[in-house]
Amino acid sequence: MTILRLTFLSVLLVFSHVSFASLVLIGQPDEYEKLFFSEVKVDENLSTGATAGKDVFLSQGQQWGNNTSRDLFWKNVSSTDTFSHQFTWSLSRSNLVTTFILDDLVLTHTSNEGVWNTVGIWMNVSGFDGMFSSSSLTFSVDGLNFGVNRDNKKTFYLQNDSGMEFSTIGGTATFNWELDPNYSGTNFKPNGRVMFSVKALETQTVSEPSALALILVGGAVLLRRRQVRAKSNNHC
């Protein structure tokens, strides 16, 4: 096997590794279209444990109302005044059929057409003013770890560093909070103030291919040019 063929084989291996194993955090895209998204929120009274509306959603497109939903009984997961639990989750699409899994809950719905090349993860555990002594939400996705606490909320954006389209993504989401015993408010149902949303997005810009792969391609081209010149000089 020639050096050139070995080099291109190495390139293929690099791209294969990158495509399946490497996610990168990026800045907020200038423009994007939301294809489908999941949402998990606490629609439950953290003081009494009384449930209200739905807590887990899987929606199509931009409109929040086009969704399927389930109840999540937070008080059965952990103590709701001092809560600590790590959820396992995944979001996937096959053709236009979408699936969101949160521990034992499974939701299915549909997606808008489009190229799913970006993931946005919105996180918020602020609660109402004075509700929590402390609170945090941390994510682990493909070796990347990021999160927020009571005093900040943020959306994190992910892409494959090969620029490949997504068909599935998953990881863990860990909630921790402690109700402040001196909380003077009357509303103990935080709803969207304790939640996360995983969004499947189509953006116009994607990550550049692996730098190592580009170096290998450039080296292979240079090597081939030298081989051609050498043969030409030998024939002179």
Protein backbone atom coordinates (compact mmCIF):
# COMPACT_ATOMS: atom_id res chain seq x y z
CA MET A 1 0.00 0.00 0.00
CA THR A 2 1.43 3.41 -0.97
CA ILE A 3 2.11 6.22 1.49
CA LEU A 4 -0.61 8.26 -0.21
CA ARG A 5 -3.22 5.56 0.34
CA LEU A 6 -2.14 5.15 3.96
CA THR A 7 -2.50 8.89 4.45
CA PHE A 8 -6.02 8.98 3.05
CA LEU A 9 -6.93 5.95 5.16
CA SER A 10 -5.75 7.91 8.20
CA VAL A 11 -7.93 10.83 7.13
CA LEU A 12 -10.97 8.56 6.93
CA LEU A 13 -10.24 7.21 10.40
CA VAL A 14 -9.92 10.71 11.81
CA PHE A 15 -13.21 11.83 10.32
CA SER A 16 -14.91 8.64 11.50
CA HIS A 17 -13.66 9.24 15.05
CA VAL A 18 -14.66 12.89 15.02
CA SER A 19 -18.10 12.24 13.57
CA PHE A 20 -19.14 9.85 16.30
CA ALA A 21 -17.29 11.12 19.35
CA SER A 22 -16.60 14.85 19.34
CA LEU A 23 -18.97 17.61 20.36
CA VAL A 24 -17.94 21.24 20.75
CA LEU A 25 -19.50 24.18 22.58
CA ILE A 26 -20.09 27.14 20.25
CA GLY A 27 -21.38 30.68 20.61
CA GLN A 28 -24.99 31.60 19.98
CA PRO A 29 -25.80 31.26 16.25
CA ASP A 30 -26.87 34.45 14.47
CA GLU A 31 -29.86 32.71 12.92
CA TYR A 32 -31.48 29.33 13.42
CA GLU A 33 -34.70 27.41 12.89
CA LYS A 34 -36.12 25.30 15.69
CA LEU A 35 -37.05 21.88 14.28
CA PHE A 36 -38.28 20.27 17.51
CA PHE A 37 -37.50 20.48 21.22
CA SER A 38 -38.02 18.87 24.61
CA GLU A 39 -38.75 20.62 27.88
CA VAL A 40 -38.67 19.55 31.53
CA LYS A 41 -40.08 21.86 34.21
CA VAL A 42 -41.31 21.69 37.80
CA ASP A 43 -45.08 22.25 37.67
CA GLU A 44 -45.50 21.04 41.25
CA ASN A 45 -45.76 22.67 44.68
CA LEU A 46 -42.35 22.19 46.29
CA SER A 47 -43.76 22.74 49.76
CA THR A 48 -46.76 20.40 49.72
CA GLY A 49 -45.91 18.17 46.76
CA ALA A 50 -49.28 18.89 45.14
CA THR A 51 -49.13 18.48 41.36
CA ALA A 52 -50.52 20.96 38.86
CA GLY A 53 -49.98 20.77 35.09
CA LYS A 54 -47.71 18.64 32.93
CA ASP A 55 -43.94 18.64 33.47
CA VAL A 56 -42.30 16.94 30.45
CA PHE A 57 -42.93 18.03 26.85
CA LEU A 58 -41.83 17.15 23.33
CA SER A 59 -42.80 19.81 20.78
CA GLN A 60 -42.63 20.36 17.03
CA GLY A 61 -41.22 23.46 15.37
CA GLN A 62 -41.33 26.94 16.82
CA GLN A 63 -44.74 26.68 18.46
CA TRP A 64 -44.77 25.42 22.03
CA GLY A 65 -48.43 24.34 21.86
CA ASN A 66 -47.87 21.58 19.25
CA ASN A 67 -46.63 18.91 21.66
CA THR A 68 -47.09 15.72 23.59
CA SER A 69 -46.68 15.84 27.37
CA ARG A 70 -46.40 13.74 30.53
CA ASP A 71 -46.59 14.24 34.29
CA LEU A 72 -43.42 13.89 36.35
CA PHE A 73 -44.07 13.40 40.06
CA TRP A 74 -41.07 15.21 41.49
CA LYS A 75 -41.90 14.28 45.09
CA ASN A 76 -41.53 10.59 44.12
CA VAL A 77 -38.06 11.27 42.70
CA SER A 78 -36.57 13.06 45.71
CA SER A 79 -37.59 15.27 48.61
CA THR A 80 -38.92 18.43 46.97
CA ASP A 81 -37.73 20.79 49.70
CA THR A 82 -34.16 19.43 49.47
CA PHE A 83 -33.95 17.89 46.01
CA SER A 84 -31.07 15.99 44.41
CA HIS A 85 -31.39 13.69 41.40
CA GLN A 86 -29.47 12.87 38.23
CA PHE A 87 -31.74 12.24 35.24
CA THR A 88 -30.64 10.31 32.17
CA TRP A 89 -32.06 11.77 28.96
CA SER A 90 -31.87 11.42 25.18
CA LEU A 91 -33.37 13.25 22.21
CA SER A 92 -33.50 11.61 18.78
CA ARG A 93 -35.07 11.82 15.33
CA SER A 94 -35.70 9.14 12.73
CA ASN A 95 -37.07 10.62 9.52
CA LEU A 96 -39.56 13.08 11.07
CA VAL A 97 -40.45 10.99 14.13
CA THR A 98 -38.92 12.36 17.34
CA THR A 99 -38.35 10.69 20.71
CA PHE A 100 -37.46 12.16 24.09
CA ILE A 101 -36.53 9.83 26.96
CA LEU A 102 -36.18 11.03 30.56
CA ASP A 103 -35.34 8.16 32.90
CA ASP A 104 -38.39 5.88 32.42
CA LEU A 105 -40.58 8.40 30.60
CA VAL A 106 -40.76 8.07 26.79
CA LEU A 107 -42.40 10.70 24.58
CA THR A 108 -42.77 10.61 20.79
CA HIS A 109 -43.88 13.34 18.41
CA THR A 110 -42.89 14.87 15.05
CA SER A 111 -40.31 17.29 13.68
CA ASN A 112 -40.24 20.02 11.09
CA GLU A 113 -38.18 19.23 8.01
CA GLY A 114 -34.63 20.51 8.07
CA VAL A 115 -31.01 19.64 8.82
CA TRP A 116 -30.45 19.09 12.54
CA ASN A 117 -26.88 20.37 12.89
CA THR A 118 -27.00 22.22 16.22
CA VAL A 119 -28.29 21.54 19.75
CA GLY A 120 -29.34 24.28 22.14
CA ILE A 121 -29.73 23.51 25.87
CA TRP A 122 -31.57 26.17 27.90
CA MET A 123 -31.14 25.91 31.69
CA ASN A 124 -32.79 27.83 34.51
CA VAL A 125 -32.98 27.12 38.27
CA SER A 126 -33.55 30.68 39.51
CA GLY A 127 -36.91 30.03 41.17
CA PHE A 128 -38.82 32.96 42.64
CA ASP A 129 -36.86 35.61 44.57
CA GLY A 130 -35.75 34.11 47.87
CA MET A 131 -37.19 30.65 47.15
CA PHE A 132 -33.90 28.74 47.23
CA SER A 133 -30.98 28.82 49.64
CA SER A 134 -29.05 27.24 46.76
CA SER A 135 -29.85 25.58 43.45
CA SER A 136 -27.95 24.19 40.47
CA LEU A 137 -28.43 22.26 37.25
CA THR A 138 -25.49 20.52 35.59
CA PHE A 139 -25.30 18.66 32.29
CA SER A 140 -22.85 16.04 31.06
CA VAL A 141 -22.96 15.33 27.31
CA ASP A 142 -20.28 13.30 25.52
CA GLY A 143 -17.58 14.32 28.02
CA LEU A 144 -18.62 18.00 28.08
CA ASN A 145 -19.77 19.33 31.47
CA PHE A 146 -21.58 22.64 31.94
CA GLY A 147 -24.29 24.12 34.12
CA VAL A 148 -25.99 27.01 35.89
CA ASN A 149 -26.94 27.98 39.42
CA ARG A 150 -29.61 30.09 41.10
CA ASP A 151 -28.04 33.37 40.03
CA ASN A 152 -27.66 32.75 36.32
CA LYS A 153 -29.51 31.13 33.43
CA LYS A 154 -28.14 30.38 30.02
CA THR A 155 -28.43 28.52 26.73
CA PHE A 156 -25.47 26.36 25.69
CA TYR A 157 -25.03 25.48 22.00
CA LEU A 158 -23.40 22.27 20.73
CA GLN A 159 -22.30 21.00 17.31
CA ASN A 160 -20.37 18.02 16.00
CA ASP A 161 -16.88 19.32 15.28
CA SER A 162 -16.98 17.42 11.98
CA GLY A 163 -20.08 19.39 10.95
CA MET A 164 -22.12 16.16 10.84
CA GLU A 165 -25.90 16.17 11.20
CA PHE A 166 -27.39 14.85 14.46
CA SER A 167 -29.75 11.92 14.70
CA THR A 168 -29.51 11.52 18.48
CA ILE A 169 -27.93 13.13 21.52
CA GLY A 170 -28.07 12.24 25.21
CA GLY A 171 -26.45 12.54 28.60
CA THR A 172 -27.33 13.38 32.18
CA ALA A 173 -29.00 16.35 33.85
CA THR A 174 -28.57 16.80 37.61
CA PHE A 175 -30.89 19.02 39.63
CA ASN A 176 -30.01 20.17 43.14
CA TRP A 177 -31.94 22.69 45.20
CA GLU A 178 -32.75 23.58 48.80
CA LEU A 179 -35.79 25.63 49.74
CA ASP A 180 -35.00 28.64 51.90
CA PRO A 181 -36.88 28.24 55.22
CA ASN A 182 -37.25 32.02 55.33
CA TYR A 183 -38.92 32.27 51.92
CA SER A 184 -41.77 34.76 52.36
CA GLY A 185 -43.50 34.16 49.02
CA THR A 186 -46.74 32.24 48.64
CA ASN A 187 -46.02 30.59 45.27
CA PHE A 188 -44.06 27.34 45.67
CA LYS A 189 -44.65 26.15 42.09
CA PRO A 190 -41.61 27.41 40.09
CA ASN A 191 -42.74 26.02 36.71
CA GLY A 192 -40.46 27.60 34.06
CA ARG A 193 -38.14 28.98 36.73
CA VAL A 194 -36.81 25.46 37.35
CA MET A 195 -36.43 23.75 33.99
CA PHE A 196 -34.33 22.76 31.02
CA SER A 197 -35.05 22.49 27.32
CA VAL A 198 -33.07 20.58 24.67
CA LYS A 199 -33.64 22.11 21.23
CA ALA A 200 -32.89 20.59 17.82
CA LEU A 201 -31.83 23.47 15.57
CA GLU A 202 -30.85 24.08 11.97
CA THR A 203 -28.24 26.83 11.59
CA GLN A 204 -26.49 28.21 8.53
CA THR A 205 -22.97 27.80 9.98
CA VAL A 206 -21.42 24.59 11.33
CA SER A 207 -18.08 23.69 12.88
CA GLU A 208 -15.02 23.33 10.65
CA PRO A 209 -13.66 19.80 10.05
CA SER A 210 -10.93 18.51 12.32
CA ALA A 211 -7.66 20.42 11.99
CA LEU A 212 -5.70 17.15 12.13
CA ALA A 213 -7.63 15.81 9.15
CA LEU A 214 -6.95 18.98 7.17
CA ILE A 215 -3.23 18.70 7.96
CA LEU A 216 -3.21 15.08 6.75
CA VAL A 217 -5.00 16.02 3.53
CA GLY A 218 -2.56 18.88 2.92
CA GLY A 219 0.40 16.60 3.59
CA ALA A 220 -0.94 13.96 1.22
CA VAL A 221 -1.38 16.48 -1.59
CA LEU A 222 2.15 17.84 -1.07
CA LEU A 223 3.61 14.33 -1.02
CA ARG A 224 1.81 13.42 -4.24
CA ARG A 225 3.15 16.53 -5.99
CA ARG A 226 6.70 15.64 -4.99
CA GLN A 227 6.25 12.08 -6.28
CA VAL A 228 4.99 13.36 -9.66
CA ARG A 229 7.94 15.79 -9.95
CA ALA A 230 10.40 13.04 -9.11
CA LYS A 231 9.02 10.77 -11.85
CA SER A 232 9.12 13.65 -14.33
CA ASN A 233 12.79 14.39 -13.54
CA ASN A 234 13.70 10.71 -13.91
CA HIS A 235 12.29 10.71 -17.43
CA CYS A 236 14.31 13.75 -18.47
